[in-house]
Amino acid sequence: MTHCLWGLLLGYLIATWAESFFHHHIGHASPRVRAFWERHPLIGKPFLDAFYAHHIIHHARTFRRDFVTQFIDDEERKRLDAILPPDLKDEIIRNNYGVTIKGPSVIWFVAPVMPFVPLLFFAFGWIVTLSAAVPMFIIYPMMSKWLHPLIHKVEEDLLHTCTPLEQWVMNTWYMRLVVIDHFLHHEYIMCNFNLLRGGDFFRRMHRSPGPKDRREMKRIGLIRSPA
Protein backbone atom coordinates (compact mmCIF):
# COMPACT_ATOMS: atom_id res chain seq x y z
CA MET A 1 0.00 0.00 0.00
CA THR A 2 2.82 2.41 0.84
CA HIS A 3 4.44 1.77 -2.53
CA CYS A 4 1.14 2.50 -4.27
CA LEU A 5 0.73 5.79 -2.43
CA TRP A 6 4.29 6.82 -3.25
CA GLY A 7 3.68 5.91 -6.88
CA LEU A 8 0.49 7.97 -7.05
CA LEU A 9 2.27 10.94 -5.49
CA LEU A 10 5.30 10.70 -7.78
CA GLY A 11 3.10 10.26 -10.83
CA TYR A 12 1.04 13.29 -9.89
CA LEU A 13 4.12 15.44 -9.32
CA ILE A 14 5.63 14.39 -12.66
CA ALA A 15 2.38 14.99 -14.57
CA THR A 16 1.60 18.39 -13.04
CA TRP A 17 5.15 19.67 -13.55
CA ALA A 18 5.28 18.36 -17.13
CA GLU A 19 1.91 19.92 -17.97
CA SER A 20 2.95 23.33 -16.66
CA PHE A 21 6.37 23.26 -18.32
CA PHE A 22 5.38 21.94 -21.75
CA HIS A 23 2.12 23.89 -21.95
CA HIS A 24 4.21 27.00 -21.31
CA HIS A 25 7.14 26.27 -23.62
CA ILE A 26 5.28 24.49 -26.46
CA GLY A 27 1.67 25.65 -26.28
CA HIS A 28 2.78 29.26 -25.77
CA ALA A 29 6.33 29.09 -27.08
CA SER A 30 8.33 32.30 -27.28
CA PRO A 31 9.26 33.85 -30.66
CA ARG A 32 12.88 32.81 -30.11
CA VAL A 33 11.94 29.17 -29.58
CA ARG A 34 9.60 29.19 -32.58
CA ALA A 35 12.34 30.70 -34.74
CA PHE A 36 14.60 27.80 -33.76
CA TRP A 37 11.90 25.29 -34.71
CA GLU A 38 11.42 27.03 -38.06
CA ARG A 39 15.15 26.71 -38.80
CA HIS A 40 15.01 23.00 -37.99
CA PRO A 41 11.64 21.83 -39.37
CA LEU A 42 12.55 18.15 -39.20
CA ILE A 43 12.28 18.28 -35.42
CA GLY A 44 10.42 21.57 -35.07
CA LYS A 45 7.29 21.14 -37.19
CA PRO A 46 5.33 19.03 -34.63
CA PHE A 47 6.02 21.70 -32.03
CA LEU A 48 5.01 24.51 -34.39
CA ASP A 49 1.81 22.61 -35.20
CA ALA A 50 1.07 22.23 -31.48
CA PHE A 51 1.67 25.94 -30.93
CA TYR A 52 -0.63 26.84 -33.81
CA ALA A 53 -3.42 24.54 -32.65
CA HIS A 54 -3.25 25.76 -29.08
CA HIS A 55 -2.05 29.36 -28.94
CA ILE A 56 -3.43 30.56 -32.26
CA ILE A 57 -6.63 28.53 -32.61
CA HIS A 58 -7.76 27.83 -29.04
CA HIS A 59 -6.70 31.16 -27.55
CA ALA A 60 -6.55 33.75 -30.33
CA ARG A 61 -9.12 32.54 -32.88
CA THR A 62 -11.77 31.10 -30.56
CA PHE A 63 -13.19 32.22 -27.19
CA ARG A 64 -12.48 35.79 -28.30
CA ARG A 65 -15.73 37.19 -26.95
CA ASP A 66 -15.40 35.63 -23.50
CA PHE A 67 -14.25 32.47 -21.73
CA VAL A 68 -17.43 30.51 -22.42
CA THR A 69 -18.28 31.53 -26.01
CA GLN A 70 -16.17 29.56 -28.49
CA PHE A 71 -17.91 30.95 -31.60
CA ILE A 72 -20.48 33.71 -31.85
CA ASP A 73 -22.30 31.79 -34.58
CA ASP A 74 -21.83 29.05 -37.14
CA GLU A 75 -20.61 31.53 -39.75
CA GLU A 76 -17.67 32.48 -37.54
CA ARG A 77 -16.73 28.82 -37.26
CA LYS A 78 -16.96 28.34 -41.03
CA ARG A 79 -14.74 31.37 -41.65
CA LEU A 80 -12.12 29.86 -39.35
CA ASP A 81 -12.38 26.47 -41.08
CA ALA A 82 -11.67 28.18 -44.40
CA ILE A 83 -8.26 29.45 -43.28
CA LEU A 84 -7.02 26.38 -41.40
CA PRO A 85 -3.85 24.80 -42.86
CA PRO A 86 -4.87 21.74 -44.91
CA ASP A 87 -2.48 19.42 -43.08
CA LEU A 88 -3.88 20.43 -39.65
CA LYS A 89 -7.53 21.08 -40.46
CA ASP A 90 -8.93 17.61 -39.74
CA GLU A 91 -7.05 17.28 -36.46
CA ILE A 92 -8.03 20.75 -35.24
CA ILE A 93 -11.70 20.16 -36.04
CA ARG A 94 -11.59 16.65 -34.50
CA ASN A 95 -10.21 18.19 -31.30
CA ASN A 96 -12.97 20.81 -31.31
CA TYR A 97 -10.54 23.66 -31.99
CA GLY A 98 -8.32 22.89 -29.02
CA VAL A 99 -11.02 22.13 -26.46
CA THR A 100 -10.37 18.38 -26.25
CA ILE A 101 -7.87 15.76 -27.42
CA LYS A 102 -8.77 12.71 -29.52
CA GLY A 103 -6.99 9.96 -31.40
CA PRO A 104 -3.27 10.51 -32.03
CA SER A 105 -3.42 13.79 -30.11
CA VAL A 106 -3.71 11.82 -26.88
CA ILE A 107 -0.41 10.05 -27.59
CA TRP A 108 1.36 13.33 -28.35
CA PHE A 109 -0.15 14.81 -25.21
CA VAL A 110 1.31 12.18 -22.86
CA ALA A 111 4.61 11.82 -24.76
CA PRO A 112 6.53 14.24 -22.47
CA VAL A 113 5.94 12.02 -19.42
CA MET A 114 6.81 8.71 -21.13
CA PRO A 115 10.59 8.99 -20.48
CA PHE A 116 9.87 8.97 -16.75
CA VAL A 117 8.49 5.40 -16.90
CA PRO A 118 11.84 3.56 -17.17
CA LEU A 119 13.36 5.93 -14.62
CA LEU A 120 10.62 5.11 -12.13
CA PHE A 121 10.90 1.40 -12.83
CA PHE A 122 14.66 1.18 -12.32
CA ALA A 123 14.56 3.45 -9.27
CA PHE A 124 11.49 2.15 -7.45
CA GLY A 125 10.20 -1.04 -9.08
CA TRP A 126 7.03 -2.06 -10.84
CA ILE A 127 4.49 -1.34 -8.07
CA VAL A 128 5.49 2.32 -7.82
CA THR A 129 5.66 2.59 -11.62
CA LEU A 130 2.19 1.12 -12.18
CA SER A 131 0.75 3.36 -9.48
CA ALA A 132 2.45 6.41 -11.01
CA ALA A 133 0.91 5.53 -14.37
CA VAL A 134 -2.56 6.33 -13.03
CA PRO A 135 -2.05 10.12 -12.71
CA MET A 136 0.44 10.23 -15.60
CA PHE A 137 -1.51 8.32 -18.26
CA ILE A 138 -5.12 8.37 -17.07
CA ILE A 139 -5.88 11.44 -14.93
CA TYR A 140 -3.48 13.78 -16.77
CA PRO A 141 -4.90 13.29 -20.31
CA MET A 142 -8.48 12.99 -19.04
CA MET A 143 -8.25 16.49 -17.59
CA SER A 144 -7.80 17.80 -21.14
CA LYS A 145 -9.95 15.27 -22.98
CA TRP A 146 -12.98 15.13 -20.67
CA LEU A 147 -12.86 18.04 -18.21
CA HIS A 148 -11.43 20.87 -20.33
CA PRO A 149 -14.65 21.10 -22.40
CA LEU A 150 -16.65 21.33 -19.16
CA ILE A 151 -14.38 24.04 -17.73
CA HIS A 152 -15.48 26.35 -20.55
CA LYS A 153 -19.18 25.91 -19.71
CA VAL A 154 -21.27 28.18 -17.50
CA GLU A 155 -22.95 26.64 -14.47
CA GLU A 156 -26.38 26.67 -16.11
CA ASP A 157 -25.10 24.68 -19.10
CA LEU A 158 -23.50 22.15 -16.76
CA LEU A 159 -26.85 21.59 -15.08
CA HIS A 160 -28.69 20.99 -18.38
CA THR A 161 -26.13 19.21 -20.57
CA CYS A 162 -23.90 17.18 -18.25
CA THR A 163 -24.32 13.84 -16.53
CA PRO A 164 -24.74 13.70 -12.73
CA LEU A 165 -21.15 12.46 -12.45
CA GLU A 166 -19.82 15.39 -14.51
CA GLN A 167 -21.86 17.84 -12.44
CA TRP A 168 -20.50 16.35 -9.23
CA VAL A 169 -16.90 16.47 -10.46
CA MET A 170 -17.20 20.06 -11.67
CA ASN A 171 -18.64 21.18 -8.34
CA THR A 172 -15.82 19.76 -6.24
CA TRP A 173 -13.54 22.22 -4.47
CA TYR A 174 -10.62 21.09 -6.65
CA MET A 175 -12.39 21.68 -9.98
CA ARG A 176 -13.81 25.05 -8.91
CA LEU A 177 -10.21 26.14 -8.35
CA VAL A 178 -9.21 24.71 -11.74
CA VAL A 179 -11.98 26.74 -13.44
CA ILE A 180 -10.69 29.94 -11.83
CA ASP A 181 -7.09 29.11 -12.77
CA HIS A 182 -8.02 28.37 -16.36
CA PHE A 183 -10.13 31.51 -16.69
CA LEU A 184 -7.07 33.52 -15.63
CA HIS A 185 -4.90 31.59 -18.08
CA HIS A 186 -7.15 32.72 -20.93
CA GLU A 187 -7.15 36.28 -19.62
CA TYR A 188 -3.40 36.63 -19.06
CA ILE A 189 -1.90 33.67 -21.02
CA MET A 190 1.50 33.41 -19.34
CA CYS A 191 0.24 31.98 -16.05
CA ASN A 192 -1.83 29.06 -14.73
CA PHE A 193 -0.83 26.47 -17.31
CA ASN A 194 -2.11 23.55 -15.22
CA LEU A 195 -5.41 21.74 -15.32
CA LEU A 196 -3.77 19.21 -13.00
CA ARG A 197 -2.92 21.70 -10.26
CA GLY A 198 0.48 22.01 -8.62
CA GLY A 199 3.16 22.54 -11.24
CA ASP A 200 2.40 26.24 -11.64
CA PHE A 201 3.06 26.77 -7.95
CA PHE A 202 6.40 24.92 -8.14
CA ARG A 203 7.41 26.99 -11.16
CA ARG A 204 6.06 30.25 -9.71
CA MET A 205 3.69 30.66 -12.64
CA HIS A 206 0.44 30.69 -10.66
CA ARG A 207 -1.80 33.75 -10.52
CA SER A 208 -4.75 34.36 -8.20
CA PRO A 209 -7.87 36.29 -9.24
CA GLY A 210 -8.36 39.94 -8.36
CA PRO A 211 -11.68 41.75 -7.80
CA LYS A 212 -11.98 42.56 -11.52
CA ASP A 213 -11.49 38.90 -12.44
CA ARG A 214 -14.11 37.75 -9.95
CA ARG A 215 -16.61 40.27 -11.30
CA GLU A 216 -16.05 39.01 -14.84
CA MET A 217 -16.42 35.37 -13.78
CA LYS A 218 -19.69 36.23 -12.07
CA ARG A 219 -20.88 38.19 -15.12
CA ILE A 220 -20.40 35.34 -17.55
CA GLY A 221 -21.86 32.73 -15.17
CA LEU A 222 -18.93 30.49 -14.34
CA ILE A 223 -19.11 27.96 -11.53
CA ARG A 224 -19.17 29.77 -8.21
CA SER A 225 -15.85 30.58 -6.57
CA PRO A 226 -14.85 28.63 -3.49
CA ALA A 227 -15.20 30.46 -0.19
C-alpha atoms as a PDB file:
ATOM      1  CA  MET A   1       0.000   0.000   0.000  1.00  0.00           C
ATOM      2  CA  THR A   2       2.815   2.411   0.843  1.00  0.00           C
ATOM      3  CA  HIS A   3       4.439   1.766  -2.528  1.00  0.00           C
ATOM      4  CA  CYS A   4       1.135   2.500  -4.267  1.00  0.00           C
ATOM      5  CA  LEU A   5       0.731   5.794  -2.432  1.00  0.00           C
ATOM      6  CA  TRP A   6       4.293   6.822  -3.253  1.00  0.00           C
ATOM      7  CA  GLY A   7       3.683   5.909  -6.877  1.00  0.00           C
ATOM      8  CA  LEU A   8       0.487   7.967  -7.051  1.00  0.00           C
ATOM      9  CA  LEU A   9       2.268  10.937  -5.489  1.00  0.00           C
ATOM     10  CA  LEU A  10       5.304  10.703  -7.777  1.00  0.00           C
ATOM     11  CA  GLY A  11       3.104  10.264 -10.834  1.00  0.00           C
ATOM     12  CA  TYR A  12       1.040  13.288  -9.887  1.00  0.00           C
ATOM     13  CA  LEU A  13       4.124  15.442  -9.320  1.00  0.00           C
ATOM     14  CA  ILE A  14       5.628  14.394 -12.659  1.00  0.00           C
ATOM     15  CA  ALA A  15       2.380  14.987 -14.566  1.00  0.00           C
ATOM     16  CA  THR A  16       1.601  18.386 -13.044  1.00  0.00           C
ATOM     17  CA  TRP A  17       5.151  19.673 -13.545  1.00  0.00           C
ATOM     18  CA  ALA A  18       5.276  18.363 -17.132  1.00  0.00           C
ATOM     19  CA  GLU A  19       1.913  19.918 -17.973  1.00  0.00           C
ATOM     20  CA  SER A  20       2.948  23.330 -16.660  1.00  0.00           C
ATOM     21  CA  PHE A  21       6.375  23.265 -18.324  1.00  0.00           C
ATOM     22  CA  PHE A  22       5.382  21.945 -21.754  1.00  0.00           C
ATOM     23  CA  HIS A  23       2.119  23.894 -21.951  1.00  0.00           C
ATOM     24  CA  HIS A  24       4.211  26.997 -21.310  1.00  0.00           C
ATOM     25  CA  HIS A  25       7.142  26.270 -23.617  1.00  0.00           C
ATOM     26  CA  ILE A  26       5.284  24.495 -26.455  1.00  0.00           C
ATOM     27  CA  GLY A  27       1.666  25.650 -26.282  1.00  0.00           C
ATOM     28  CA  HIS A  28       2.782  29.260 -25.773  1.00  0.00           C
ATOM     29  CA  ALA A  29       6.333  29.089 -27.078  1.00  0.00           C
ATOM     30  CA  SER A  30       8.330  32.300 -27.278  1.00  0.00           C
ATOM     31  CA  PRO A  31       9.265  33.853 -30.664  1.00  0.00           C
ATOM     32  CA  ARG A  32      12.885  32.811 -30.109  1.00  0.00           C
ATOM     33  CA  VAL A  33      11.935  29.169 -29.580  1.00  0.00           C
ATOM     34  CA  ARG A  34       9.598  29.189 -32.584  1.00  0.00           C
ATOM     35  CA  ALA A  35      12.340  30.699 -34.742  1.00  0.00           C
ATOM     36  CA  PHE A  36      14.598  27.796 -33.758  1.00  0.00           C
ATOM     37  CA  TRP A  37      11.903  25.288 -34.711  1.00  0.00           C
ATOM     38  CA  GLU A  38      11.420  27.030 -38.059  1.00  0.00           C
ATOM     39  CA  ARG A  39      15.147  26.714 -38.798  1.00  0.00           C
ATOM     40  CA  HIS A  40      15.008  22.997 -37.993  1.00  0.00           C
ATOM     41  CA  PRO A  41      11.643  21.830 -39.367  1.00  0.00           C
ATOM     42  CA  LEU A  42      12.549  18.147 -39.201  1.00  0.00           C
ATOM     43  CA  ILE A  43      12.277  18.282 -35.424  1.00  0.00           C
ATOM     44  CA  GLY A  44      10.419  21.572 -35.075  1.00  0.00           C
ATOM     45  CA  LYS A  45       7.288  21.136 -37.189  1.00  0.00           C
ATOM     46  CA  PRO A  46       5.329  19.031 -34.635  1.00  0.00           C
ATOM     47  CA  PHE A  47       6.016  21.696 -32.025  1.00  0.00           C
ATOM     48  CA  LEU A  48       5.011  24.507 -34.391  1.00  0.00           C
ATOM     49  CA  ASP A  49       1.809  22.614 -35.199  1.00  0.00           C
ATOM     50  CA  ALA A  50       1.069  22.226 -31.479  1.00  0.00           C
ATOM     51  CA  PHE A  51       1.675  25.938 -30.933  1.00  0.00           C
ATOM     52  CA  TYR A  52      -0.627  26.843 -33.814  1.00  0.00           C
ATOM     53  CA  ALA A  53      -3.422  24.536 -32.647  1.00  0.00           C
ATOM     54  CA  HIS A  54      -3.253  25.758 -29.076  1.00  0.00           C
ATOM     55  CA  HIS A  55      -2.046  29.358 -28.938  1.00  0.00           C
ATOM     56  CA  ILE A  56      -3.435  30.559 -32.258  1.00  0.00           C
ATOM     57  CA  ILE A  57      -6.627  28.531 -32.606  1.00  0.00           C
ATOM     58  CA  HIS A  58      -7.758  27.830 -29.042  1.00  0.00           C
ATOM     59  CA  HIS A  59      -6.699  31.162 -27.547  1.00  0.00           C
ATOM     60  CA  ALA A  60      -6.545  33.752 -30.331  1.00  0.00           C
ATOM     61  CA  ARG A  61      -9.115  32.538 -32.883  1.00  0.00           C
ATOM     62  CA  THR A  62     -11.773  31.101 -30.557  1.00  0.00           C
ATOM     63  CA  PHE A  63     -13.189  32.217 -27.189  1.00  0.00           C
ATOM     64  CA  ARG A  64     -12.481  35.790 -28.303  1.00  0.00           C
ATOM     65  CA  ARG A  65     -15.733  37.189 -26.945  1.00  0.00           C
ATOM     66  CA  ASP A  66     -15.399  35.631 -23.498  1.00  0.00           C
ATOM     67  CA  PHE A  67     -14.249  32.471 -21.728  1.00  0.00           C
ATOM     68  CA  VAL A  68     -17.434  30.511 -22.419  1.00  0.00           C
ATOM     69  CA  THR A  69     -18.278  31.533 -26.012  1.00  0.00           C
ATOM     70  CA  GLN A  70     -16.175  29.564 -28.491  1.00  0.00           C
ATOM     71  CA  PHE A  71     -17.911  30.945 -31.604  1.00  0.00           C
ATOM     72  CA  ILE A  72     -20.482  33.714 -31.854  1.00  0.00           C
ATOM     73  CA  ASP A  73     -22.301  31.790 -34.582  1.00  0.00           C
ATOM     74  CA  ASP A  74     -21.827  29.045 -37.141  1.00  0.00           C
ATOM     75  CA  GLU A  75     -20.615  31.534 -39.746  1.00  0.00           C
ATOM     76  CA  GLU A  76     -17.669  32.484 -37.545  1.00  0.00           C
ATOM     77  CA  ARG A  77     -16.730  28.821 -37.259  1.00  0.00           C
ATOM     78  CA  LYS A  78     -16.961  28.336 -41.033  1.00  0.00           C
ATOM     79  CA  ARG A  79     -14.743  31.365 -41.647  1.00  0.00           C
ATOM     80  CA  LEU A  80     -12.118  29.860 -39.353  1.00  0.00           C
ATOM     81  CA  ASP A  81     -12.383  26.466 -41.076  1.00  0.00           C
ATOM     82  CA  ALA A  82     -11.673  28.177 -44.401  1.00  0.00           C
ATOM     83  CA  ILE A  83      -8.257  29.452 -43.278  1.00  0.00           C
ATOM     84  CA  LEU A  84      -7.015  26.377 -41.403  1.00  0.00           C
ATOM     85  CA  PRO A  85      -3.853  24.797 -42.858  1.00  0.00           C
ATOM     86  CA  PRO A  86      -4.870  21.736 -44.909  1.00  0.00           C
ATOM     87  CA  ASP A  87      -2.478  19.424 -43.076  1.00  0.00           C
ATOM     88  CA  LEU A  88      -3.878  20.427 -39.648  1.00  0.00           C
ATOM     89  CA  LYS A  89      -7.529  21.082 -40.460  1.00  0.00           C
ATOM     90  CA  ASP A  90      -8.933  17.611 -39.740  1.00  0.00           C
ATOM     91  CA  GLU A  91      -7.053  17.277 -36.462  1.00  0.00           C
ATOM     92  CA  ILE A  92      -8.033  20.750 -35.244  1.00  0.00           C
ATOM     93  CA  ILE A  93     -11.701  20.158 -36.038  1.00  0.00           C
ATOM     94  CA  ARG A  94     -11.585  16.654 -34.500  1.00  0.00           C
ATOM     95  CA  ASN A  95     -10.211  18.187 -31.298  1.00  0.00           C
ATOM     96  CA  ASN A  96     -12.974  20.814 -31.309  1.00  0.00           C
ATOM     97  CA  TYR A  97     -10.537  23.658 -31.993  1.00  0.00           C
ATOM     98  CA  GLY A  98      -8.318  22.886 -29.022  1.00  0.00           C
ATOM     99  CA  VAL A  99     -11.020  22.130 -26.459  1.00  0.00           C
ATOM    100  CA  THR A 100     -10.367  18.384 -26.251  1.00  0.00           C
ATOM    101  CA  ILE A 101      -7.867  15.756 -27.418  1.00  0.00           C
ATOM    102  CA  LYS A 102      -8.768  12.715 -29.520  1.00  0.00           C
ATOM    103  CA  GLY A 103      -6.992   9.958 -31.403  1.00  0.00           C
ATOM    104  CA  PRO A 104      -3.270  10.507 -32.028  1.00  0.00           C
ATOM    105  CA  SER A 105      -3.417  13.793 -30.109  1.00  0.00           C
ATOM    106  CA  VAL A 106      -3.712  11.819 -26.876  1.00  0.00           C
ATOM    107  CA  ILE A 107      -0.405  10.049 -27.591  1.00  0.00           C
ATOM    108  CA  TRP A 108       1.360  13.328 -28.355  1.00  0.00           C
ATOM    109  CA  PHE A 109      -0.146  14.812 -25.209  1.00  0.00           C
ATOM    110  CA  VAL A 110       1.311  12.180 -22.859  1.00  0.00           C
ATOM    111  CA  ALA A 111       4.611  11.824 -24.756  1.00  0.00           C
ATOM    112  CA  PRO A 112       6.532  14.243 -22.468  1.00  0.00           C
ATOM    113  CA  VAL A 113       5.936  12.022 -19.415  1.00  0.00           C
ATOM    114  CA  MET A 114       6.805   8.714 -21.127  1.00  0.00           C
ATOM    115  CA  PRO A 115      10.591   8.990 -20.480  1.00  0.00           C
ATOM    116  CA  PHE A 116       9.867   8.966 -16.747  1.00  0.00           C
ATOM    117  CA  VAL A 117       8.487   5.400 -16.896  1.00  0.00           C
ATOM    118  CA  PRO A 118      11.843   3.557 -17.174  1.00  0.00           C
ATOM    119  CA  LEU A 119      13.362   5.931 -14.619  1.00  0.00           C
ATOM    120  CA  LEU A 120      10.625   5.113 -12.129  1.00  0.00           C
ATOM    121  CA  PHE A 121      10.900   1.398 -12.827  1.00  0.00           C
ATOM    122  CA  PHE A 122      14.658   1.178 -12.318  1.00  0.00           C
ATOM    123  CA  ALA A 123      14.558   3.451  -9.269  1.00  0.00           C
ATOM    124  CA  PHE A 124      11.485   2.149  -7.446  1.00  0.00           C
ATOM    125  CA  GLY A 125      10.197  -1.039  -9.079  1.00  0.00           C
ATOM    126  CA  TRP A 126       7.035  -2.058 -10.839  1.00  0.00           C
ATOM    127  CA  ILE A 127       4.486  -1.340  -8.075  1.00  0.00           C
ATOM    128  CA  VAL A 128       5.486   2.320  -7.822  1.00  0.00           C
ATOM    129  CA  THR A 129       5.657   2.588 -11.620  1.00  0.00           C
ATOM    130  CA  LEU A 130       2.187   1.122 -12.178  1.00  0.00           C
ATOM    131  CA  SER A 131       0.747   3.365  -9.484  1.00  0.00           C
ATOM    132  CA  ALA A 132       2.454   6.410 -11.007  1.00  0.00           C
ATOM    133  CA  ALA A 133       0.914   5.528 -14.368  1.00  0.00           C
ATOM    134  CA  VAL A 134      -2.565   6.335 -13.034  1.00  0.00           C
ATOM    135  CA  PRO A 135      -2.050  10.120 -12.709  1.00  0.00           C
ATOM    136  CA  MET A 136       0.441  10.234 -15.601  1.00  0.00           C
ATOM    137  CA  PHE A 137      -1.508   8.318 -18.256  1.00  0.00           C
ATOM    138  CA  ILE A 138      -5.123   8.375 -17.067  1.00  0.00           C
ATOM    139  CA  ILE A 139      -5.880  11.439 -14.933  1.00  0.00           C
ATOM    140  CA  TYR A 140      -3.485  13.780 -16.773  1.00  0.00           C
ATOM    141  CA  PRO A 141      -4.902  13.287 -20.309  1.00  0.00           C
ATOM    142  CA  MET A 142      -8.478  12.985 -19.038  1.00  0.00           C
ATOM    143  CA  MET A 143      -8.250  16.493 -17.589  1.00  0.00           C
ATOM    144  CA  SER A 144      -7.803  17.804 -21.142  1.00  0.00           C
ATOM    145  CA  LYS A 145      -9.949  15.268 -22.984  1.00  0.00           C
ATOM    146  CA  TRP A 146     -12.976  15.134 -20.672  1.00  0.00           C
ATOM    147  CA  LEU A 147     -12.863  18.036 -18.215  1.00  0.00           C
ATOM    148  CA  HIS A 148     -11.432  20.865 -20.326  1.00  0.00           C
ATOM    149  CA  PRO A 149     -14.647  21.100 -22.405  1.00  0.00           C
ATOM    150  CA  LEU A 150     -16.648  21.333 -19.163  1.00  0.00           C
ATOM    151  CA  ILE A 151     -14.381  24.036 -17.730  1.00  0.00           C
ATOM    152  CA  HIS A 152     -15.479  26.346 -20.546  1.00  0.00           C
ATOM    153  CA  LYS A 153     -19.184  25.908 -19.713  1.00  0.00           C
ATOM    154  CA  VAL A 154     -21.266  28.176 -17.502  1.00  0.00           C
ATOM    155  CA  GLU A 155     -22.948  26.636 -14.472  1.00  0.00           C
ATOM    156  CA  GLU A 156     -26.377  26.666 -16.111  1.00  0.00           C
ATOM    157  CA  ASP A 157     -25.100  24.676 -19.099  1.00  0.00           C
ATOM    158  CA  LEU A 158     -23.498  22.147 -16.764  1.00  0.00           C
ATOM    159  CA  LEU A 159     -26.852  21.594 -15.084  1.00  0.00           C
ATOM    160  CA  HIS A 160     -28.688  20.993 -18.378  1.00  0.00           C
ATOM    161  CA  THR A 161     -26.131  19.207 -20.574  1.00  0.00           C
ATOM    162  CA  CYS A 162     -23.902  17.177 -18.250  1.00  0.00           C
ATOM    163  CA  THR A 163     -24.321  13.839 -16.530  1.00  0.00           C
ATOM    164  CA  PRO A 164     -24.743  13.704 -12.733  1.00  0.00           C
ATOM    165  CA  LEU A 165     -21.147  12.461 -12.453  1.00  0.00           C
ATOM    166  CA  GLU A 166     -19.825  15.388 -14.512  1.00  0.00           C
ATOM    167  CA  GLN A 167     -21.856  17.843 -12.437  1.00  0.00           C
ATOM    168  CA  TRP A 168     -20.497  16.350  -9.226  1.00  0.00           C
ATOM    169  CA  VAL A 169     -16.896  16.471 -10.462  1.00  0.00           C
ATOM    170  CA  MET A 170     -17.199  20.061 -11.670  1.00  0.00           C
ATOM    171  CA  ASN A 171     -18.638  21.184  -8.342  1.00  0.00           C
ATOM    172  CA  THR A 172     -15.820  19.762  -6.236  1.00  0.00           C
ATOM    173  CA  TRP A 173     -13.541  22.215  -4.471  1.00  0.00           C
ATOM    174  CA  TYR A 174     -10.620  21.085  -6.654  1.00  0.00           C
ATOM    175  CA  MET A 175     -12.388  21.682  -9.977  1.00  0.00           C
ATOM    176  CA  ARG A 176     -13.815  25.049  -8.906  1.00  0.00           C
ATOM    177  CA  LEU A 177     -10.211  26.142  -8.351  1.00  0.00           C
ATOM    178  CA  VAL A 178      -9.212  24.709 -11.743  1.00  0.00           C
ATOM    179  CA  VAL A 179     -11.975  26.737 -13.443  1.00  0.00           C
ATOM    180  CA  ILE A 180     -10.690  29.938 -11.831  1.00  0.00           C
ATOM    181  CA  ASP A 181      -7.093  29.110 -12.769  1.00  0.00           C
ATOM    182  CA  HIS A 182      -8.018  28.375 -16.360  1.00  0.00           C
ATOM    183  CA  PHE A 183     -10.126  31.506 -16.692  1.00  0.00           C
ATOM    184  CA  LEU A 184      -7.068  33.521 -15.627  1.00  0.00           C
ATOM    185  CA  HIS A 185      -4.898  31.588 -18.082  1.00  0.00           C
ATOM    186  CA  HIS A 186      -7.153  32.717 -20.930  1.00  0.00           C
ATOM    187  CA  GLU A 187      -7.146  36.278 -19.624  1.00  0.00           C
ATOM    188  CA  TYR A 188      -3.402  36.629 -19.056  1.00  0.00           C
ATOM    189  CA  ILE A 189      -1.897  33.674 -21.023  1.00  0.00           C
ATOM    190  CA  MET A 190       1.505  33.411 -19.339  1.00  0.00           C
ATOM    191  CA  CYS A 191       0.240  31.978 -16.052  1.00  0.00           C
ATOM    192  CA  ASN A 192      -1.833  29.064 -14.729  1.00  0.00           C
ATOM    193  CA  PHE A 193      -0.833  26.466 -17.306  1.00  0.00           C
ATOM    194  CA  ASN A 194      -2.111  23.553 -15.223  1.00  0.00           C
ATOM    195  CA  LEU A 195      -5.406  21.740 -15.319  1.00  0.00           C
ATOM    196  CA  LEU A 196      -3.767  19.214 -12.999  1.00  0.00           C
ATOM    197  CA  ARG A 197      -2.919  21.701 -10.262  1.00  0.00           C
ATOM    198  CA  GLY A 198       0.476  22.008  -8.623  1.00  0.00           C
ATOM    199  CA  GLY A 199       3.158  22.535 -11.237  1.00  0.00           C
ATOM    200  CA  ASP A 200       2.403  26.236 -11.642  1.00  0.00           C
ATOM    201  CA  PHE A 201       3.060  26.774  -7.945  1.00  0.00           C
ATOM    202  CA  PHE A 202       6.402  24.919  -8.141  1.00  0.00           C
ATOM    203  CA  ARG A 203       7.410  26.988 -11.162  1.00  0.00           C
ATOM    204  CA  ARG A 204       6.062  30.252  -9.711  1.00  0.00           C
ATOM    205  CA  MET A 205       3.692  30.656 -12.642  1.00  0.00           C
ATOM    206  CA  HIS A 206       0.440  30.689 -10.658  1.00  0.00           C
ATOM    207  CA  ARG A 207      -1.799  33.753 -10.524  1.00  0.00           C
ATOM    208  CA  SER A 208      -4.751  34.361  -8.199  1.00  0.00           C
ATOM    209  CA  PRO A 209      -7.872  36.295  -9.238  1.00  0.00           C
ATOM    210  CA  GLY A 210      -8.362  39.940  -8.356  1.00  0.00           C
ATOM    211  CA  PRO A 211     -11.680  41.752  -7.804  1.00  0.00           C
ATOM    212  CA  LYS A 212     -11.985  42.559 -11.521  1.00  0.00           C
ATOM    213  CA  ASP A 213     -11.487  38.899 -12.436  1.00  0.00           C
ATOM    214  CA  ARG A 214     -14.113  37.748  -9.950  1.00  0.00           C
ATOM    215  CA  ARG A 215     -16.611  40.273 -11.300  1.00  0.00           C
ATOM    216  CA  GLU A 216     -16.047  39.011 -14.841  1.00  0.00           C
ATOM    217  CA  MET A 217     -16.418  35.374 -13.782  1.00  0.00           C
ATOM    218  CA  LYS A 218     -19.685  36.233 -12.069  1.00  0.00           C
ATOM    219  CA  ARG A 219     -20.884  38.191 -15.120  1.00  0.00           C
ATOM    220  CA  ILE A 220     -20.401  35.336 -17.555  1.00  0.00           C
ATOM    221  CA  GLY A 221     -21.862  32.729 -15.174  1.00  0.00           C
ATOM    222  CA  LEU A 222     -18.932  30.490 -14.342  1.00  0.00           C
ATOM    223  CA  ILE A 223     -19.107  27.965 -11.530  1.00  0.00           C
ATOM    224  CA  ARG A 224     -19.173  29.767  -8.211  1.00  0.00           C
ATOM    225  CA  SER A 225     -15.845  30.583  -6.571  1.00  0.00           C
ATOM    226  CA  PRO A 226     -14.853  28.626  -3.486  1.00  0.00           C
ATOM    227  CA  ALA A 227     -15.199  30.458  -0.187  1.00  0.00           C
END
